[in-house]
Amino acid sequence: MKGLYQKAISGEIPNFTGVSDPYEAPESPEVVLETARESVEASTAKVLRALEVLGFLAEDTLELAPEDEEAVWRQLEAAGRLKGRARPTPEERTA
């Protein structure tokens, strides 16, 4: 993987995002990280929680601040990734 940007800049790799192909922000991202305002730990926790909710990791292995928990669920709903899944109540999460 090393040297991909050099190859893209030299033209060896066409349509390379950020070099010869423009970056297009997603319309409905599953997770939004505000790295200028939150710690690395908070950003990491948001990603891990989204992976839990989507079923890629075992659930309830970490705790998020309530506002971050809300943000993760809201972003996943907006992205259409929950498919009818209901948010657990605070009591359900701690049970």
PDB file of N, CA and C in Angstrom:
ATOM      1  N   MET A   1       0.810  -1.195   0.000  1.00  0.00           N
ATOM      2  CA  MET A   1       0.000   0.000   0.000  1.00  0.00           C
ATOM      3  C   MET A   1       0.856   1.263   0.000  1.00  0.00           C
ATOM      4  N   LYS A   2       2.071   1.144   0.451  1.00  0.00           N
ATOM      5  CA  LYS A   2       2.928   2.308   0.531  1.00  0.00           C
ATOM      6  C   LYS A   2       3.197   2.861  -0.870  1.00  0.00           C
ATOM      7  N   GLY A   3       3.224   4.165  -0.974  1.00  0.00           N
ATOM      8  CA  GLY A   3       3.566   4.793  -2.237  1.00  0.00           C
ATOM      9  C   GLY A   3       2.411   4.991  -3.190  1.00  0.00           C
ATOM     10  N   LEU A   4       1.176   4.720  -2.741  1.00  0.00           N
ATOM     11  CA  LEU A   4       0.034   4.871  -3.646  1.00  0.00           C
ATOM     12  C   LEU A   4      -0.151   6.320  -4.080  1.00  0.00           C
ATOM     13  N   TYR A   5       0.009   7.249  -3.162  1.00  0.00           N
ATOM     14  CA  TYR A   5      -0.160   8.653  -3.533  1.00  0.00           C
ATOM     15  C   TYR A   5       0.906   9.083  -4.531  1.00  0.00           C
ATOM     16  N   GLN A   6       2.123   8.625  -4.353  1.00  0.00           N
ATOM     17  CA  GLN A   6       3.186   8.962  -5.320  1.00  0.00           C
ATOM     18  C   GLN A   6       2.839   8.418  -6.698  1.00  0.00           C
ATOM     19  N   LYS A   7       2.334   7.189  -6.741  1.00  0.00           N
ATOM     20  CA  LYS A   7       1.951   6.595  -8.022  1.00  0.00           C
ATOM     21  C   LYS A   7       0.787   7.350  -8.644  1.00  0.00           C
ATOM     22  N   ALA A   8      -0.162   7.771  -7.835  1.00  0.00           N
ATOM     23  CA  ALA A   8      -1.304   8.528  -8.350  1.00  0.00           C
ATOM     24  C   ALA A   8      -0.859   9.883  -8.880  1.00  0.00           C
ATOM     25  N   ILE A   9       0.023  10.549  -8.164  1.00  0.00           N
ATOM     26  CA  ILE A   9       0.518  11.859  -8.594  1.00  0.00           C
ATOM     27  C   ILE A   9       1.297  11.738  -9.898  1.00  0.00           C
ATOM     28  N   SER A  10       2.037  10.651 -10.048  1.00  0.00           N
ATOM     29  CA  SER A  10       2.815  10.469 -11.279  1.00  0.00           C
ATOM     30  C   SER A  10       1.956   9.978 -12.443  1.00  0.00           C
ATOM     31  N   GLY A  11       0.689   9.648 -12.171  1.00  0.00           N
ATOM     32  CA  GLY A  11      -0.213   9.217 -13.231  1.00  0.00           C
ATOM     33  C   GLY A  11      -0.288   7.716 -13.420  1.00  0.00           C
ATOM     34  N   GLU A  12       0.437   6.961 -12.607  1.00  0.00           N
ATOM     35  CA  GLU A  12       0.404   5.505 -12.716  1.00  0.00           C
ATOM     36  C   GLU A  12      -0.934   4.923 -12.273  1.00  0.00           C
ATOM     37  N   ILE A  13      -1.603   5.601 -11.338  1.00  0.00           N
ATOM     38  CA  ILE A  13      -2.924   5.166 -10.872  1.00  0.00           C
ATOM     39  C   ILE A  13      -3.930   6.253 -11.254  1.00  0.00           C
ATOM     40  N   PRO A  14      -4.817   5.976 -12.213  1.00  0.00           N
ATOM     41  CA  PRO A  14      -5.814   6.971 -12.597  1.00  0.00           C
ATOM     42  C   PRO A  14      -6.987   7.008 -11.612  1.00  0.00           C
ATOM     43  N   ASN A  15      -7.709   8.105 -11.610  1.00  0.00           N
ATOM     44  CA  ASN A  15      -8.930   8.265 -10.814  1.00  0.00           C
ATOM     45  C   ASN A  15      -8.724   7.959  -9.334  1.00  0.00           C
ATOM     46  N   PHE A  16      -7.668   8.489  -8.771  1.00  0.00           N
ATOM     47  CA  PHE A  16      -7.338   8.261  -7.369  1.00  0.00           C
ATOM     48  C   PHE A  16      -7.951   9.391  -6.550  1.00  0.00           C
ATOM     49  N   THR A  17      -8.847   9.041  -5.619  1.00  0.00           N
ATOM     50  CA  THR A  17      -9.556  10.048  -4.825  1.00  0.00           C
ATOM     51  C   THR A  17      -8.579  10.965  -4.108  1.00  0.00           C
ATOM     52  N   GLY A  18      -8.809  12.248  -4.252  1.00  0.00           N
ATOM     53  CA  GLY A  18      -7.975  13.249  -3.604  1.00  0.00           C
ATOM     54  C   GLY A  18      -6.792  13.689  -4.436  1.00  0.00           C
ATOM     55  N   VAL A  19      -6.523  12.990  -5.547  1.00  0.00           N
ATOM     56  CA  VAL A  19      -5.408  13.364  -6.416  1.00  0.00           C
ATOM     57  C   VAL A  19      -5.966  13.722  -7.790  1.00  0.00           C
ATOM     58  N   SER A  20      -6.390  12.716  -8.551  1.00  0.00           N
ATOM     59  CA  SER A  20      -6.926  12.976  -9.887  1.00  0.00           C
ATOM     60  C   SER A  20      -8.442  12.841  -9.938  1.00  0.00           C
ATOM     61  N   ASP A  21      -9.043  12.433  -8.853  1.00  0.00           N
ATOM     62  CA  ASP A  21     -10.490  12.286  -8.766  1.00  0.00           C
ATOM     63  C   ASP A  21     -10.938  13.053  -7.532  1.00  0.00           C
ATOM     64  N   PRO A  22     -11.945  13.923  -7.651  1.00  0.00           N
ATOM     65  CA  PRO A  22     -12.324  14.740  -6.495  1.00  0.00           C
ATOM     66  C   PRO A  22     -12.958  13.902  -5.386  1.00  0.00           C
ATOM     67  N   TYR A  23     -12.758  14.353  -4.161  1.00  0.00           N
ATOM     68  CA  TYR A  23     -13.407  13.725  -3.010  1.00  0.00           C
ATOM     69  C   TYR A  23     -14.851  14.196  -2.983  1.00  0.00           C
ATOM     70  N   GLU A  24     -15.774  13.265  -2.814  1.00  0.00           N
ATOM     71  CA  GLU A  24     -17.187  13.605  -2.701  1.00  0.00           C
ATOM     72  C   GLU A  24     -17.669  13.151  -1.328  1.00  0.00           C
ATOM     73  N   ALA A  25     -18.064  14.106  -0.529  1.00  0.00           N
ATOM     74  CA  ALA A  25     -18.547  13.782   0.816  1.00  0.00           C
ATOM     75  C   ALA A  25     -19.844  12.988   0.709  1.00  0.00           C
ATOM     76  N   PRO A  26     -20.037  11.987   1.574  1.00  0.00           N
ATOM     77  CA  PRO A  26     -21.278  11.208   1.529  1.00  0.00           C
ATOM     78  C   PRO A  26     -22.477  12.057   1.914  1.00  0.00           C
ATOM     79  N   GLU A  27     -23.615  11.761   1.307  1.00  0.00           N
ATOM     80  CA  GLU A  27     -24.833  12.509   1.623  1.00  0.00           C
ATOM     81  C   GLU A  27     -25.386  12.135   2.992  1.00  0.00           C
ATOM     82  N   SER A  28     -25.300  10.875   3.354  1.00  0.00           N
ATOM     83  CA  SER A  28     -25.800  10.389   4.646  1.00  0.00           C
ATOM     84  C   SER A  28     -24.760   9.486   5.303  1.00  0.00           C
ATOM     85  N   PRO A  29     -23.747  10.083   5.905  1.00  0.00           N
ATOM     86  CA  PRO A  29     -22.702   9.249   6.520  1.00  0.00           C
ATOM     87  C   PRO A  29     -23.231   8.498   7.735  1.00  0.00           C
ATOM     88  N   GLU A  30     -22.707   7.292   7.944  1.00  0.00           N
ATOM     89  CA  GLU A  30     -23.104   6.508   9.114  1.00  0.00           C
ATOM     90  C   GLU A  30     -22.581   7.134  10.402  1.00  0.00           C
ATOM     91  N   VAL A  31     -21.413   7.728  10.346  1.00  0.00           N
ATOM     92  CA  VAL A  31     -20.813   8.355  11.524  1.00  0.00           C
ATOM     93  C   VAL A  31     -20.164   9.659  11.089  1.00  0.00           C
ATOM     94  N   VAL A  32     -20.348  10.696  11.892  1.00  0.00           N
ATOM     95  CA  VAL A  32     -19.680  11.978  11.652  1.00  0.00           C
ATOM     96  C   VAL A  32     -18.749  12.221  12.828  1.00  0.00           C
ATOM     97  N   LEU A  33     -17.484  12.362  12.527  1.00  0.00           N
ATOM     98  CA  LEU A  33     -16.491  12.632  13.566  1.00  0.00           C
ATOM     99  C   LEU A  33     -16.100  14.097  13.507  1.00  0.00           C
ATOM    100  N   GLU A  34     -16.174  14.759  14.624  1.00  0.00           N
ATOM    101  CA  GLU A  34     -15.810  16.170  14.703  1.00  0.00           C
ATOM    102  C   GLU A  34     -14.452  16.258  15.397  1.00  0.00           C
ATOM    103  N   THR A  35     -13.423  15.901  14.647  1.00  0.00           N
ATOM    104  CA  THR A  35     -12.088  15.752  15.227  1.00  0.00           C
ATOM    105  C   THR A  35     -11.487  17.056  15.733  1.00  0.00           C
ATOM    106  N   ALA A  36     -11.987  18.186  15.260  1.00  0.00           N
ATOM    107  CA  ALA A  36     -11.488  19.459  15.765  1.00  0.00           C
ATOM    108  C   ALA A  36     -12.075  19.778  17.136  1.00  0.00           C
ATOM    109  N   ARG A  37     -13.198  19.110  17.476  1.00  0.00           N
ATOM    110  CA  ARG A  37     -13.878  19.407  18.735  1.00  0.00           C
ATOM    111  C   ARG A  37     -13.880  18.263  19.733  1.00  0.00           C
ATOM    112  N   GLU A  38     -13.558  17.041  19.286  1.00  0.00           N
ATOM    113  CA  GLU A  38     -13.621  15.914  20.202  1.00  0.00           C
ATOM    114  C   GLU A  38     -12.281  15.184  20.250  1.00  0.00           C
ATOM    115  N   SER A  39     -12.082  14.474  21.315  1.00  0.00           N
ATOM    116  CA  SER A  39     -10.823  13.756  21.494  1.00  0.00           C
ATOM    117  C   SER A  39     -10.746  12.545  20.566  1.00  0.00           C
ATOM    118  N   VAL A  40      -9.550  12.030  20.419  1.00  0.00           N
ATOM    119  CA  VAL A  40      -9.357  10.801  19.647  1.00  0.00           C
ATOM    120  C   VAL A  40     -10.194   9.685  20.265  1.00  0.00           C
ATOM    121  N   GLU A  41     -10.233   9.636  21.584  1.00  0.00           N
ATOM    122  CA  GLU A  41     -10.988   8.598  22.285  1.00  0.00           C
ATOM    123  C   GLU A  41     -12.483   8.717  21.991  1.00  0.00           C
ATOM    124  N   ALA A  42     -13.012   9.942  21.979  1.00  0.00           N
ATOM    125  CA  ALA A  42     -14.437  10.135  21.694  1.00  0.00           C
ATOM    126  C   ALA A  42     -14.758   9.754  20.258  1.00  0.00           C
ATOM    127  N   SER A  43     -13.916  10.142  19.317  1.00  0.00           N
ATOM    128  CA  SER A  43     -14.134   9.765  17.918  1.00  0.00           C
ATOM    129  C   SER A  43     -14.089   8.254  17.744  1.00  0.00           C
ATOM    130  N   THR A  44     -13.112   7.618  18.386  1.00  0.00           N
ATOM    131  CA  THR A  44     -12.975   6.169  18.300  1.00  0.00           C
ATOM    132  C   THR A  44     -14.208   5.478  18.881  1.00  0.00           C
ATOM    133  N   ALA A  45     -14.683   5.984  20.010  1.00  0.00           N
ATOM    134  CA  ALA A  45     -15.859   5.395  20.648  1.00  0.00           C
ATOM    135  C   ALA A  45     -17.087   5.498  19.747  1.00  0.00           C
ATOM    136  N   LYS A  46     -17.236   6.606  19.037  1.00  0.00           N
ATOM    137  CA  LYS A  46     -18.373   6.762  18.124  1.00  0.00           C
ATOM    138  C   LYS A  46     -18.320   5.727  16.996  1.00  0.00           C
ATOM    139  N   VAL A  47     -17.135   5.516  16.444  1.00  0.00           N
ATOM    140  CA  VAL A  47     -16.978   4.530  15.365  1.00  0.00           C
ATOM    141  C   VAL A  47     -17.289   3.132  15.895  1.00  0.00           C
ATOM    142  N   LEU A  48     -16.725   2.794  17.055  1.00  0.00           N
ATOM    143  CA  LEU A  48     -16.958   1.473  17.620  1.00  0.00           C
ATOM    144  C   LEU A  48     -18.425   1.253  17.952  1.00  0.00           C
ATOM    145  N   ARG A  49     -19.087   2.268  18.477  1.00  0.00           N
ATOM    146  CA  ARG A  49     -20.515   2.139  18.810  1.00  0.00           C
ATOM    147  C   ARG A  49     -21.330   1.928  17.538  1.00  0.00           C
ATOM    148  N   ALA A  50     -21.020   2.647  16.482  1.00  0.00           N
ATOM    149  CA  ALA A  50     -21.740   2.442  15.217  1.00  0.00           C
ATOM    150  C   ALA A  50     -21.533   1.012  14.728  1.00  0.00           C
ATOM    151  N   LEU A  51     -20.328   0.492  14.848  1.00  0.00           N
ATOM    152  CA  LEU A  51     -20.062  -0.898  14.442  1.00  0.00           C
ATOM    153  C   LEU A  51     -20.836  -1.884  15.304  1.00  0.00           C
ATOM    154  N   GLU A  52     -21.006  -1.573  16.593  1.00  0.00           N
ATOM    155  CA  GLU A  52     -21.826  -2.416  17.470  1.00  0.00           C
ATOM    156  C   GLU A  52     -23.273  -2.414  17.010  1.00  0.00           C
ATOM    157  N   VAL A  53     -23.815  -1.215  16.792  1.00  0.00           N
ATOM    158  CA  VAL A  53     -25.213  -1.081  16.406  1.00  0.00           C
ATOM    159  C   VAL A  53     -25.481  -1.794  15.081  1.00  0.00           C
ATOM    160  N   LEU A  54     -24.536  -1.734  14.175  1.00  0.00           N
ATOM    161  CA  LEU A  54     -24.700  -2.367  12.870  1.00  0.00           C
ATOM    162  C   LEU A  54     -24.428  -3.872  12.906  1.00  0.00           C
ATOM    163  N   GLY A  55     -23.994  -4.384  14.052  1.00  0.00           N
ATOM    164  CA  GLY A  55     -23.811  -5.817  14.204  1.00  0.00           C
ATOM    165  C   GLY A  55     -22.440  -6.345  13.825  1.00  0.00           C
ATOM    166  N   PHE A  56     -21.480  -5.458  13.622  1.00  0.00           N
ATOM    167  CA  PHE A  56     -20.130  -5.899  13.277  1.00  0.00           C
ATOM    168  C   PHE A  56     -19.275  -6.202  14.511  1.00  0.00           C
ATOM    169  N   LEU A  57     -19.688  -5.690  15.671  1.00  0.00           N
ATOM    170  CA  LEU A  57     -18.996  -5.946  16.938  1.00  0.00           C
ATOM    171  C   LEU A  57     -20.037  -6.355  17.972  1.00  0.00           C
ATOM    172  N   ALA A  58     -19.607  -7.087  18.998  1.00  0.00           N
ATOM    173  CA  ALA A  58     -20.508  -7.422  20.094  1.00  0.00           C
ATOM    174  C   ALA A  58     -21.006  -6.126  20.731  1.00  0.00           C
ATOM    175  N   GLU A  59     -22.270  -6.103  21.102  1.00  0.00           N
ATOM    176  CA  GLU A  59     -22.846  -4.863  21.629  1.00  0.00           C
ATOM    177  C   GLU A  59     -22.496  -4.607  23.081  1.00  0.00           C
ATOM    178  N   ASP A  60     -22.621  -3.320  23.425  1.00  0.00           N
ATOM    179  CA  ASP A  60     -22.490  -2.844  24.799  1.00  0.00           C
ATOM    180  C   ASP A  60     -21.128  -3.146  25.413  1.00  0.00           C
ATOM    181  N   THR A  61     -20.085  -3.016  24.623  1.00  0.00           N
ATOM    182  CA  THR A  61     -18.744  -3.208  25.153  1.00  0.00           C
ATOM    183  C   THR A  61     -18.096  -1.893  25.535  1.00  0.00           C
ATOM    184  N   LEU A  62     -18.764  -0.771  25.256  1.00  0.00           N
ATOM    185  CA  LEU A  62     -18.203   0.521  25.637  1.00  0.00           C
ATOM    186  C   LEU A  62     -19.318   1.476  26.004  1.00  0.00           C
ATOM    187  N   GLU A  63     -18.931   2.534  26.674  1.00  0.00           N
ATOM    188  CA  GLU A  63     -19.893   3.552  27.080  1.00  0.00           C
ATOM    189  C   GLU A  63     -19.583   4.847  26.362  1.00  0.00           C
ATOM    190  N   LEU A  64     -20.639   5.514  25.928  1.00  0.00           N
ATOM    191  CA  LEU A  64     -20.509   6.825  25.293  1.00  0.00           C
ATOM    192  C   LEU A  64     -21.229   7.850  26.147  1.00  0.00           C
ATOM    193  N   ALA A  65     -20.808   9.086  26.023  1.00  0.00           N
ATOM    194  CA  ALA A  65     -21.567  10.172  26.636  1.00  0.00           C
ATOM    195  C   ALA A  65     -22.949  10.176  25.987  1.00  0.00           C
ATOM    196  N   PRO A  66     -23.997  10.506  26.739  1.00  0.00           N
ATOM    197  CA  PRO A  66     -25.355  10.458  26.179  1.00  0.00           C
ATOM    198  C   PRO A  66     -25.505  11.226  24.863  1.00  0.00           C
ATOM    199  N   GLU A  67     -24.869  12.385  24.752  1.00  0.00           N
ATOM    200  CA  GLU A  67     -25.009  13.165  23.516  1.00  0.00           C
ATOM    201  C   GLU A  67     -24.321  12.470  22.337  1.00  0.00           C
ATOM    202  N   ASP A  68     -23.218  11.768  22.603  1.00  0.00           N
ATOM    203  CA  ASP A  68     -22.546  11.023  21.531  1.00  0.00           C
ATOM    204  C   ASP A  68     -23.356   9.797  21.130  1.00  0.00           C
ATOM    205  N   GLU A  69     -23.943   9.123  22.121  1.00  0.00           N
ATOM    206  CA  GLU A  69     -24.813   7.974  21.841  1.00  0.00           C
ATOM    207  C   GLU A  69     -25.974   8.412  20.947  1.00  0.00           C
ATOM    208  N   GLU A  70     -26.576   9.538  21.290  1.00  0.00           N
ATOM    209  CA  GLU A  70     -27.688  10.078  20.494  1.00  0.00           C
ATOM    210  C   GLU A  70     -27.219  10.402  19.082  1.00  0.00           C
ATOM    211  N   ALA A  71     -26.062  11.006  18.952  1.00  0.00           N
ATOM    212  CA  ALA A  71     -25.534  11.369  17.638  1.00  0.00           C
ATOM    213  C   ALA A  71     -25.300  10.136  16.768  1.00  0.00           C
ATOM    214  N   VAL A  72     -24.760   9.070  17.351  1.00  0.00           N
ATOM    215  CA  VAL A  72     -24.523   7.839  16.586  1.00  0.00           C
ATOM    216  C   VAL A  72     -25.834   7.286  16.058  1.00  0.00           C
ATOM    217  N   TRP A  73     -26.843   7.159  16.914  1.00  0.00           N
ATOM    218  CA  TRP A  73     -28.136   6.625  16.473  1.00  0.00           C
ATOM    219  C   TRP A  73     -28.779   7.526  15.422  1.00  0.00           C
ATOM    220  N   ARG A  74     -28.719   8.832  15.629  1.00  0.00           N
ATOM    221  CA  ARG A  74     -29.316   9.781  14.676  1.00  0.00           C
ATOM    222  C   ARG A  74     -28.643   9.656  13.306  1.00  0.00           C
ATOM    223  N   GLN A  75     -27.325   9.551  13.285  1.00  0.00           N
ATOM    224  CA  GLN A  75     -26.602   9.438  12.019  1.00  0.00           C
ATOM    225  C   GLN A  75     -26.898   8.121  11.321  1.00  0.00           C
ATOM    226  N   LEU A  76     -26.981   7.036  12.083  1.00  0.00           N
ATOM    227  CA  LEU A  76     -27.304   5.746  11.478  1.00  0.00           C
ATOM    228  C   LEU A  76     -28.724   5.727  10.935  1.00  0.00           C
ATOM    229  N   GLU A  77     -29.651   6.365  11.650  1.00  0.00           N
ATOM    230  CA  GLU A  77     -31.030   6.473  11.148  1.00  0.00           C
ATOM    231  C   GLU A  77     -31.071   7.280   9.859  1.00  0.00           C
ATOM    232  N   ALA A  78     -30.377   8.407   9.845  1.00  0.00           N
ATOM    233  CA  ALA A  78     -30.373   9.270   8.660  1.00  0.00           C
ATOM    234  C   ALA A  78     -29.759   8.566   7.463  1.00  0.00           C
ATOM    235  N   ALA A  79     -28.813   7.682   7.718  1.00  0.00           N
ATOM    236  CA  ALA A  79     -28.164   6.947   6.639  1.00  0.00           C
ATOM    237  C   ALA A  79     -28.978   5.731   6.214  1.00  0.00           C
ATOM    238  N   GLY A  80     -30.103   5.474   6.897  1.00  0.00           N
ATOM    239  CA  GLY A  80     -30.942   4.343   6.545  1.00  0.00           C
ATOM    240  C   GLY A  80     -30.340   2.998   6.909  1.00  0.00           C
ATOM    241  N   ARG A  81     -29.495   2.974   7.931  1.00  0.00           N
ATOM    242  CA  ARG A  81     -28.774   1.745   8.267  1.00  0.00           C
ATOM    243  C   ARG A  81     -29.410   0.925   9.388  1.00  0.00           C
ATOM    244  N   LEU A  82     -30.506   1.389   9.988  1.00  0.00           N
ATOM    245  CA  LEU A  82     -31.052   0.665  11.132  1.00  0.00           C
ATOM    246  C   LEU A  82     -32.133  -0.346  10.762  1.00  0.00           C
ATOM    247  N   LYS A  83     -32.752  -0.212   9.615  1.00  0.00           N
ATOM    248  CA  LYS A  83     -33.747  -1.170   9.125  1.00  0.00           C
ATOM    249  C   LYS A  83     -34.759  -1.566  10.204  1.00  0.00           C
ATOM    250  N   GLY A  84     -35.407  -0.582  10.792  1.00  0.00           N
ATOM    251  CA  GLY A  84     -36.459  -0.837  11.764  1.00  0.00           C
ATOM    252  C   GLY A  84     -35.980  -1.163  13.164  1.00  0.00           C
ATOM    253  N   ARG A  85     -34.705  -1.151  13.381  1.00  0.00           N
ATOM    254  CA  ARG A  85     -34.168  -1.465  14.706  1.00  0.00           C
ATOM    255  C   ARG A  85     -34.453  -0.317  15.666  1.00  0.00           C
ATOM    256  N   ALA A  86     -34.970  -0.645  16.839  1.00  0.00           N
ATOM    257  CA  ALA A  86     -35.307   0.380  17.832  1.00  0.00           C
ATOM    258  C   ALA A  86     -34.100   0.690  18.705  1.00  0.00           C
ATOM    259  N   ARG A  87     -34.011   1.933  19.104  1.00  0.00           N
ATOM    260  CA  ARG A  87     -32.952   2.328  20.040  1.00  0.00           C
ATOM    261  C   ARG A  87     -33.231   1.708  21.393  1.00  0.00           C
ATOM    262  N   PRO A  88     -32.200   1.182  22.045  1.00  0.00           N
ATOM    263  CA  PRO A  88     -32.416   0.669  23.403  1.00  0.00           C
ATOM    264  C   PRO A  88     -32.579   1.837  24.381  1.00  0.00           C
ATOM    265  N   THR A  89     -33.377   1.625  25.394  1.00  0.00           N
ATOM    266  CA  THR A  89     -33.521   2.630  26.435  1.00  0.00           C
ATOM    267  C   THR A  89     -32.261   2.598  27.304  1.00  0.00           C
ATOM    268  N   PRO A  90     -32.016   3.644  28.088  1.00  0.00           N
ATOM    269  CA  PRO A  90     -30.862   3.619  28.989  1.00  0.00           C
ATOM    270  C   PRO A  90     -30.898   2.407  29.932  1.00  0.00           C
ATOM    271  N   GLU A  91     -32.102   2.017  30.375  1.00  0.00           N
ATOM    272  CA  GLU A  91     -32.232   0.866  31.258  1.00  0.00           C
ATOM    273  C   GLU A  91     -31.819  -0.418  30.533  1.00  0.00           C
ATOM    274  N   GLU A  92     -32.223  -0.556  29.273  1.00  0.00           N
ATOM    275  CA  GLU A  92     -31.857  -1.739  28.496  1.00  0.00           C
ATOM    276  C   GLU A  92     -30.350  -1.810  28.269  1.00  0.00           C
ATOM    277  N   ARG A  93     -29.722  -0.650  28.085  1.00  0.00           N
ATOM    278  CA  ARG A  93     -28.277  -0.640  27.828  1.00  0.00           C
ATOM    279  C   ARG A  93     -27.475  -1.031  29.071  1.00  0.00           C
ATOM    280  N   THR A  94     -27.995  -0.741  30.243  1.00  0.00           N
ATOM    281  CA  THR A  94     -27.241  -1.048  31.460  1.00  0.00           C
ATOM    282  C   THR A  94     -27.658  -2.385  32.070  1.00  0.00           C
ATOM    283  N   ALA A  95     -28.682  -3.025  31.536  1.00  0.00           N
ATOM    284  CA  ALA A  95     -29.158  -4.315  32.083  1.00  0.00           C
ATOM    285  C   ALA A  95     -28.220  -5.452  31.752  1.00  0.00           C
TER     286      ALA A  95
END
